[in-house]
Amino acid sequence: MVHLLLKQFLKFEIEIKRRIMYKKAKDLGFTHPAVVDCSQELDVLLNKYLKQAS
């Protein structure tokens, strides 16, 4: 049960972070440091999600 809730929470966090990253990229450009930081944070969330999937 906890495993399923964690996966759902991570999916929610991933979607929010992705939307934030897209907005920043649109406003600042893809290579702006804030966009790169956001992308790295998204990578961490995706890696956590993939660990839960296995």
PDB file of N, CA and C in Angstrom:
ATOM      1  N   MET A   1       0.821  -1.201   0.000  1.00  0.00           N
ATOM      2  CA  MET A   1       0.000   0.000   0.000  1.00  0.00           C
ATOM      3  C   MET A   1       0.866   1.267   0.000  1.00  0.00           C
ATOM      4  N   VAL A   2       1.855   1.282   0.891  1.00  0.00           N
ATOM      5  CA  VAL A   2       2.747   2.439   0.977  1.00  0.00           C
ATOM      6  C   VAL A   2       3.506   2.599  -0.334  1.00  0.00           C
ATOM      7  N   HIS A   3       3.912   1.480  -0.912  1.00  0.00           N
ATOM      8  CA  HIS A   3       4.638   1.484  -2.184  1.00  0.00           C
ATOM      9  C   HIS A   3       3.791   2.157  -3.275  1.00  0.00           C
ATOM     10  N   LEU A   4       2.546   1.814  -3.340  1.00  0.00           N
ATOM     11  CA  LEU A   4       1.646   2.387  -4.343  1.00  0.00           C
ATOM     12  C   LEU A   4       1.444   3.888  -4.115  1.00  0.00           C
ATOM     13  N   LEU A   5       1.276   4.289  -2.877  1.00  0.00           N
ATOM     14  CA  LEU A   5       1.105   5.709  -2.562  1.00  0.00           C
ATOM     15  C   LEU A   5       2.356   6.509  -2.904  1.00  0.00           C
ATOM     16  N   LEU A   6       3.523   5.929  -2.636  1.00  0.00           N
ATOM     17  CA  LEU A   6       4.770   6.611  -2.967  1.00  0.00           C
ATOM     18  C   LEU A   6       4.892   6.803  -4.473  1.00  0.00           C
ATOM     19  N   LYS A   7       4.551   5.782  -5.246  1.00  0.00           N
ATOM     20  CA  LYS A   7       4.601   5.895  -6.702  1.00  0.00           C
ATOM     21  C   LYS A   7       3.647   6.983  -7.203  1.00  0.00           C
ATOM     22  N   GLN A   8       2.448   7.029  -6.659  1.00  0.00           N
ATOM     23  CA  GLN A   8       1.478   8.041  -7.067  1.00  0.00           C
ATOM     24  C   GLN A   8       1.967   9.440  -6.707  1.00  0.00           C
ATOM     25  N   PHE A   9       2.552   9.581  -5.530  1.00  0.00           N
ATOM     26  CA  PHE A   9       3.078  10.863  -5.104  1.00  0.00           C
ATOM     27  C   PHE A   9       4.225  11.299  -6.014  1.00  0.00           C
ATOM     28  N   LEU A  10       5.114  10.370  -6.351  1.00  0.00           N
ATOM     29  CA  LEU A  10       6.229  10.690  -7.242  1.00  0.00           C
ATOM     30  C   LEU A  10       5.727  11.092  -8.629  1.00  0.00           C
ATOM     31  N   LYS A  11       4.714  10.397  -9.139  1.00  0.00           N
ATOM     32  CA  LYS A  11       4.148  10.759 -10.444  1.00  0.00           C
ATOM     33  C   LYS A  11       3.601  12.187 -10.412  1.00  0.00           C
ATOM     34  N   PHE A  12       2.947  12.541  -9.321  1.00  0.00           N
ATOM     35  CA  PHE A  12       2.410  13.886  -9.161  1.00  0.00           C
ATOM     36  C   PHE A  12       3.546  14.909  -9.134  1.00  0.00           C
ATOM     37  N   GLU A  13       4.581  14.640  -8.343  1.00  0.00           N
ATOM     38  CA  GLU A  13       5.730  15.540  -8.262  1.00  0.00           C
ATOM     39  C   GLU A  13       6.422  15.692  -9.615  1.00  0.00           C
ATOM     40  N   ILE A  14       6.543  14.593 -10.339  1.00  0.00           N
ATOM     41  CA  ILE A  14       7.175  14.618 -11.666  1.00  0.00           C
ATOM     42  C   ILE A  14       6.386  15.515 -12.607  1.00  0.00           C
ATOM     43  N   GLU A  15       5.085  15.378 -12.614  1.00  0.00           N
ATOM     44  CA  GLU A  15       4.254  16.192 -13.507  1.00  0.00           C
ATOM     45  C   GLU A  15       4.353  17.678 -13.166  1.00  0.00           C
ATOM     46  N   ILE A  16       4.343  18.012 -11.888  1.00  0.00           N
ATOM     47  CA  ILE A  16       4.467  19.406 -11.459  1.00  0.00           C
ATOM     48  C   ILE A  16       5.828  19.960 -11.872  1.00  0.00           C
ATOM     49  N   LYS A  17       6.895  19.209 -11.600  1.00  0.00           N
ATOM     50  CA  LYS A  17       8.246  19.662 -11.932  1.00  0.00           C
ATOM     51  C   LYS A  17       8.408  19.831 -13.444  1.00  0.00           C
ATOM     52  N   ARG A  18       7.821  18.929 -14.205  1.00  0.00           N
ATOM     53  CA  ARG A  18       7.898  19.012 -15.669  1.00  0.00           C
ATOM     54  C   ARG A  18       7.224  20.292 -16.174  1.00  0.00           C
ATOM     55  N   ARG A  19       6.061  20.594 -15.628  1.00  0.00           N
ATOM     56  CA  ARG A  19       5.353  21.812 -16.042  1.00  0.00           C
ATOM     57  C   ARG A  19       6.139  23.066 -15.676  1.00  0.00           C
ATOM     58  N   ILE A  20       6.738  23.062 -14.499  1.00  0.00           N
ATOM     59  CA  ILE A  20       7.557  24.201 -14.081  1.00  0.00           C
ATOM     60  C   ILE A  20       8.742  24.367 -15.026  1.00  0.00           C
ATOM     61  N   MET A  21       9.378  23.248 -15.371  1.00  0.00           N
ATOM     62  CA  MET A  21      10.535  23.296 -16.259  1.00  0.00           C
ATOM     63  C   MET A  21      10.147  23.835 -17.637  1.00  0.00           C
ATOM     64  N   TYR A  22       9.034  23.364 -18.186  1.00  0.00           N
ATOM     65  CA  TYR A  22       8.588  23.844 -19.494  1.00  0.00           C
ATOM     66  C   TYR A  22       8.312  25.338 -19.476  1.00  0.00           C
ATOM     67  N   LYS A  23       7.687  25.816 -18.397  1.00  0.00           N
ATOM     68  CA  LYS A  23       7.381  27.245 -18.274  1.00  0.00           C
ATOM     69  C   LYS A  23       8.663  28.063 -18.215  1.00  0.00           C
ATOM     70  N   LYS A  24       9.618  27.600 -17.406  1.00  0.00           N
ATOM     71  CA  LYS A  24      10.891  28.310 -17.310  1.00  0.00           C
ATOM     72  C   LYS A  24      11.623  28.300 -18.647  1.00  0.00           C
ATOM     73  N   ALA A  25      11.606  27.170 -19.335  1.00  0.00           N
ATOM     74  CA  ALA A  25      12.290  27.078 -20.632  1.00  0.00           C
ATOM     75  C   ALA A  25      11.654  28.027 -21.640  1.00  0.00           C
ATOM     76  N   LYS A  26      10.349  28.135 -21.610  1.00  0.00           N
ATOM     77  CA  LYS A  26       9.653  29.041 -22.523  1.00  0.00           C
ATOM     78  C   LYS A  26      10.016  30.497 -22.235  1.00  0.00           C
ATOM     79  N   ASP A  27      10.099  30.829 -20.948  1.00  0.00           N
ATOM     80  CA  ASP A  27      10.374  32.211 -20.548  1.00  0.00           C
ATOM     81  C   ASP A  27      11.857  32.579 -20.626  1.00  0.00           C
ATOM     82  N   LEU A  28      12.733  31.631 -20.291  1.00  0.00           N
ATOM     83  CA  LEU A  28      14.154  31.953 -20.133  1.00  0.00           C
ATOM     84  C   LEU A  28      15.058  31.345 -21.199  1.00  0.00           C
ATOM     85  N   GLY A  29      14.573  30.323 -21.882  1.00  0.00           N
ATOM     86  CA  GLY A  29      15.410  29.599 -22.841  1.00  0.00           C
ATOM     87  C   GLY A  29      15.909  28.295 -22.234  1.00  0.00           C
ATOM     88  N   PHE A  30      16.152  27.339 -23.097  1.00  0.00           N
ATOM     89  CA  PHE A  30      16.480  25.995 -22.636  1.00  0.00           C
ATOM     90  C   PHE A  30      17.813  25.885 -21.906  1.00  0.00           C
ATOM     91  N   THR A  31      18.735  26.782 -22.173  1.00  0.00           N
ATOM     92  CA  THR A  31      20.057  26.665 -21.570  1.00  0.00           C
ATOM     93  C   THR A  31      20.251  27.535 -20.328  1.00  0.00           C
ATOM     94  N   HIS A  32      19.214  28.224 -19.909  1.00  0.00           N
ATOM     95  CA  HIS A  32      19.309  29.060 -18.708  1.00  0.00           C
ATOM     96  C   HIS A  32      19.593  28.174 -17.490  1.00  0.00           C
ATOM     97  N   PRO A  33      20.464  28.630 -16.579  1.00  0.00           N
ATOM     98  CA  PRO A  33      20.797  27.819 -15.400  1.00  0.00           C
ATOM     99  C   PRO A  33      19.584  27.372 -14.579  1.00  0.00           C
ATOM    100  N   ALA A  34      18.562  28.197 -14.477  1.00  0.00           N
ATOM    101  CA  ALA A  34      17.367  27.815 -13.718  1.00  0.00           C
ATOM    102  C   ALA A  34      16.647  26.645 -14.377  1.00  0.00           C
ATOM    103  N   VAL A  35      16.670  26.605 -15.699  1.00  0.00           N
ATOM    104  CA  VAL A  35      16.033  25.508 -16.430  1.00  0.00           C
ATOM    105  C   VAL A  35      16.862  24.232 -16.279  1.00  0.00           C
ATOM    106  N   VAL A  36      18.162  24.377 -16.345  1.00  0.00           N
ATOM    107  CA  VAL A  36      19.051  23.224 -16.176  1.00  0.00           C
ATOM    108  C   VAL A  36      18.896  22.636 -14.770  1.00  0.00           C
ATOM    109  N   ASP A  37      18.835  23.497 -13.759  1.00  0.00           N
ATOM    110  CA  ASP A  37      18.627  23.031 -12.381  1.00  0.00           C
ATOM    111  C   ASP A  37      17.311  22.276 -12.250  1.00  0.00           C
ATOM    112  N   CYS A  38      16.280  22.826 -12.839  1.00  0.00           N
ATOM    113  CA  CYS A  38      14.962  22.201 -12.784  1.00  0.00           C
ATOM    114  C   CYS A  38      14.996  20.846 -13.487  1.00  0.00           C
ATOM    115  N   SER A  39      15.688  20.768 -14.603  1.00  0.00           N
ATOM    116  CA  SER A  39      15.818  19.520 -15.340  1.00  0.00           C
ATOM    117  C   SER A  39      16.540  18.466 -14.503  1.00  0.00           C
ATOM    118  N   GLN A  40      17.552  18.874 -13.773  1.00  0.00           N
ATOM    119  CA  GLN A  40      18.284  17.946 -12.922  1.00  0.00           C
ATOM    120  C   GLN A  40      17.412  17.459 -11.767  1.00  0.00           C
ATOM    121  N   GLU A  41      16.606  18.343 -11.225  1.00  0.00           N
ATOM    122  CA  GLU A  41      15.668  17.946 -10.170  1.00  0.00           C
ATOM    123  C   GLU A  41      14.650  16.948 -10.715  1.00  0.00           C
ATOM    124  N   LEU A  42      14.203  17.178 -11.926  1.00  0.00           N
ATOM    125  CA  LEU A  42      13.276  16.247 -12.570  1.00  0.00           C
ATOM    126  C   LEU A  42      13.940  14.887 -12.767  1.00  0.00           C
ATOM    127  N   ASP A  43      15.200  14.885 -13.164  1.00  0.00           N
ATOM    128  CA  ASP A  43      15.943  13.628 -13.327  1.00  0.00           C
ATOM    129  C   ASP A  43      15.979  12.832 -12.024  1.00  0.00           C
ATOM    130  N   VAL A  44      16.194  13.520 -10.920  1.00  0.00           N
ATOM    131  CA  VAL A  44      16.231  12.848  -9.618  1.00  0.00           C
ATOM    132  C   VAL A  44      14.876  12.206  -9.319  1.00  0.00           C
ATOM    133  N   LEU A  45      13.808  12.942  -9.558  1.00  0.00           N
ATOM    134  CA  LEU A  45      12.468  12.404  -9.325  1.00  0.00           C
ATOM    135  C   LEU A  45      12.187  11.197 -10.225  1.00  0.00           C
ATOM    136  N   LEU A  46      12.581  11.295 -11.475  1.00  0.00           N
ATOM    137  CA  LEU A  46      12.370  10.177 -12.404  1.00  0.00           C
ATOM    138  C   LEU A  46      13.158   8.945 -11.973  1.00  0.00           C
ATOM    139  N   ASN A  47      14.375   9.143 -11.507  1.00  0.00           N
ATOM    140  CA  ASN A  47      15.178   8.015 -11.026  1.00  0.00           C
ATOM    141  C   ASN A  47      14.540   7.372  -9.803  1.00  0.00           C
ATOM    142  N   LYS A  48      14.015   8.176  -8.888  1.00  0.00           N
ATOM    143  CA  LYS A  48      13.317   7.632  -7.718  1.00  0.00           C
ATOM    144  C   LYS A  48      12.108   6.819  -8.155  1.00  0.00           C
ATOM    145  N   TYR A  49      11.366   7.358  -9.135  1.00  0.00           N
ATOM    146  CA  TYR A  49      10.175   6.648  -9.620  1.00  0.00           C
ATOM    147  C   TYR A  49      10.569   5.299 -10.245  1.00  0.00           C
ATOM    148  N   LEU A  50      11.618   5.316 -11.043  1.00  0.00           N
ATOM    149  CA  LEU A  50      12.049   4.075 -11.696  1.00  0.00           C
ATOM    150  C   LEU A  50      12.526   3.043 -10.671  1.00  0.00           C
ATOM    151  N   LYS A  51      13.143   3.486  -9.603  1.00  0.00           N
ATOM    152  CA  LYS A  51      13.548   2.548  -8.538  1.00  0.00           C
ATOM    153  C   LYS A  51      12.324   1.902  -7.902  1.00  0.00           C
ATOM    154  N   GLN A  52      11.252   2.671  -7.748  1.00  0.00           N
ATOM    155  CA  GLN A  52      10.017   2.133  -7.165  1.00  0.00           C
ATOM    156  C   GLN A  52       9.335   1.142  -8.102  1.00  0.00           C
ATOM    157  N   ALA A  53       9.530   1.326  -9.398  1.00  0.00           N
ATOM    158  CA  ALA A  53       8.877   0.467 -10.386  1.00  0.00           C
ATOM    159  C   ALA A  53       9.513  -0.917 -10.439  1.00  0.00           C
ATOM    160  N   SER A  54      10.767  -1.028 -10.000  1.00  0.00           N
ATOM    161  CA  SER A  54      11.443  -2.332 -10.086  1.00  0.00           C
ATOM    162  C   SER A  54      11.270  -3.154  -8.829  1.00  0.00           C
TER     163      SER A  54
END
